Protein backbone atom coordinates (compact mmCIF):
# COMPACT_ATOMS: atom_id res chain seq x y z
CA UNK A 1 137.40 90.28 116.44
CA UNK A 2 135.12 91.53 113.87
CA UNK A 3 135.57 92.14 110.14
CA UNK A 4 133.96 95.30 108.52
CA UNK A 5 133.15 95.28 104.80
CA UNK A 6 132.14 98.58 103.24
CA UNK A 7 130.02 98.98 99.92
CA UNK A 8 129.66 102.19 98.30
CA UNK A 9 126.11 102.77 97.37
CA UNK A 10 126.39 106.11 95.63
CA UNK A 11 128.29 109.21 95.55
CA UNK A 12 126.91 112.76 95.65
CA UNK A 13 127.81 115.72 93.44
CA UNK A 14 130.17 117.12 96.03
CA UNK A 15 132.12 113.95 96.29
CA UNK A 16 130.54 112.58 99.48
CA UNK A 17 130.19 108.82 99.36
CA UNK A 18 127.18 106.98 100.73
CA UNK A 19 128.22 103.64 102.04
CA UNK A 20 126.81 100.70 103.73
CA UNK A 21 128.81 99.00 106.36
CA UNK A 22 128.54 95.30 107.29
CA UNK A 23 130.16 93.79 110.44
CA UNK A 24 130.94 90.18 110.56
CA UNK A 25 132.04 88.54 113.65
CA UNK A 26 134.78 85.78 113.49
CA UNK A 27 133.53 83.89 116.52
CA UNK A 28 130.16 82.15 116.30
CA UNK A 29 128.76 83.84 119.35
CA UNK A 30 125.04 84.44 119.18
CA UNK A 31 124.76 87.73 120.98
CA UNK A 32 120.99 87.59 121.29
CA UNK A 33 120.94 84.39 123.14
CA UNK A 34 123.83 85.65 125.28
CA UNK A 35 121.88 88.81 126.14
CA UNK A 36 118.69 87.00 127.05
CA UNK A 37 120.72 84.59 129.30
CA UNK A 38 121.28 87.40 131.85
CA UNK A 39 117.51 87.51 132.70
CA UNK A 40 115.42 85.11 134.46
CA UNK A 41 112.06 83.91 132.82
CA UNK A 42 110.20 86.06 135.36
CA UNK A 43 112.05 89.17 134.63
CA UNK A 44 111.36 88.56 130.92
CA UNK A 45 107.69 88.12 131.54
CA UNK A 46 107.45 91.28 133.59
CA UNK A 47 109.31 93.40 130.86
CA UNK A 48 106.86 92.08 128.30
CA UNK A 49 103.90 93.11 130.39
CA UNK A 50 105.30 96.52 131.06
CA UNK A 51 106.03 96.99 127.36
CA UNK A 52 102.37 96.00 126.42
CA UNK A 53 100.98 98.37 129.18
CA UNK A 54 103.09 101.41 128.06
CA UNK A 55 102.15 100.58 124.37
CA UNK A 56 98.46 100.75 125.22
CA UNK A 57 98.83 103.93 127.39
CA UNK A 58 100.44 105.62 124.34
CA UNK A 59 97.58 104.55 122.10
CA UNK A 60 95.20 106.12 124.65
CA UNK A 61 97.10 109.24 124.56
CA UNK A 62 97.07 109.65 120.76
CA UNK A 63 93.39 108.79 120.52
CA UNK A 64 92.52 111.45 123.15
CA UNK A 65 94.68 113.97 121.16
CA UNK A 66 92.98 113.30 117.93
CA UNK A 67 89.51 113.40 119.32
CA UNK A 68 90.04 116.97 120.81
CA UNK A 69 88.09 119.38 118.64
CA UNK A 70 90.58 122.21 118.77
CA UNK A 71 93.95 120.57 119.30
CA UNK A 72 96.78 122.76 120.96
CA UNK A 73 99.65 122.42 118.33
CA UNK A 74 101.90 123.96 120.85
CA UNK A 75 101.99 120.86 122.78
CA UNK A 76 105.14 118.79 122.43
CA UNK A 77 104.71 115.05 122.62
CA UNK A 78 107.56 112.47 122.51
CA UNK A 79 106.69 108.79 121.75
CA UNK A 80 109.22 106.41 122.78
């Protein structure tokens, strides 16, 4: 079970409260280690290589868009 602690940071003029929530787990489970335990070493290595390849492909796309002398501003690009 988890415990939620809410701190009010500020309130707006219309009465809306801006809060920050903190969640604390009562059990001492390390969820990052648990999530990583589901994957083999080879799967982790392949995921890292895929991430690095996709990141370099995005960088190349941005470089090509910036170099273009007359950019088409109607082009929609989504970076993940």
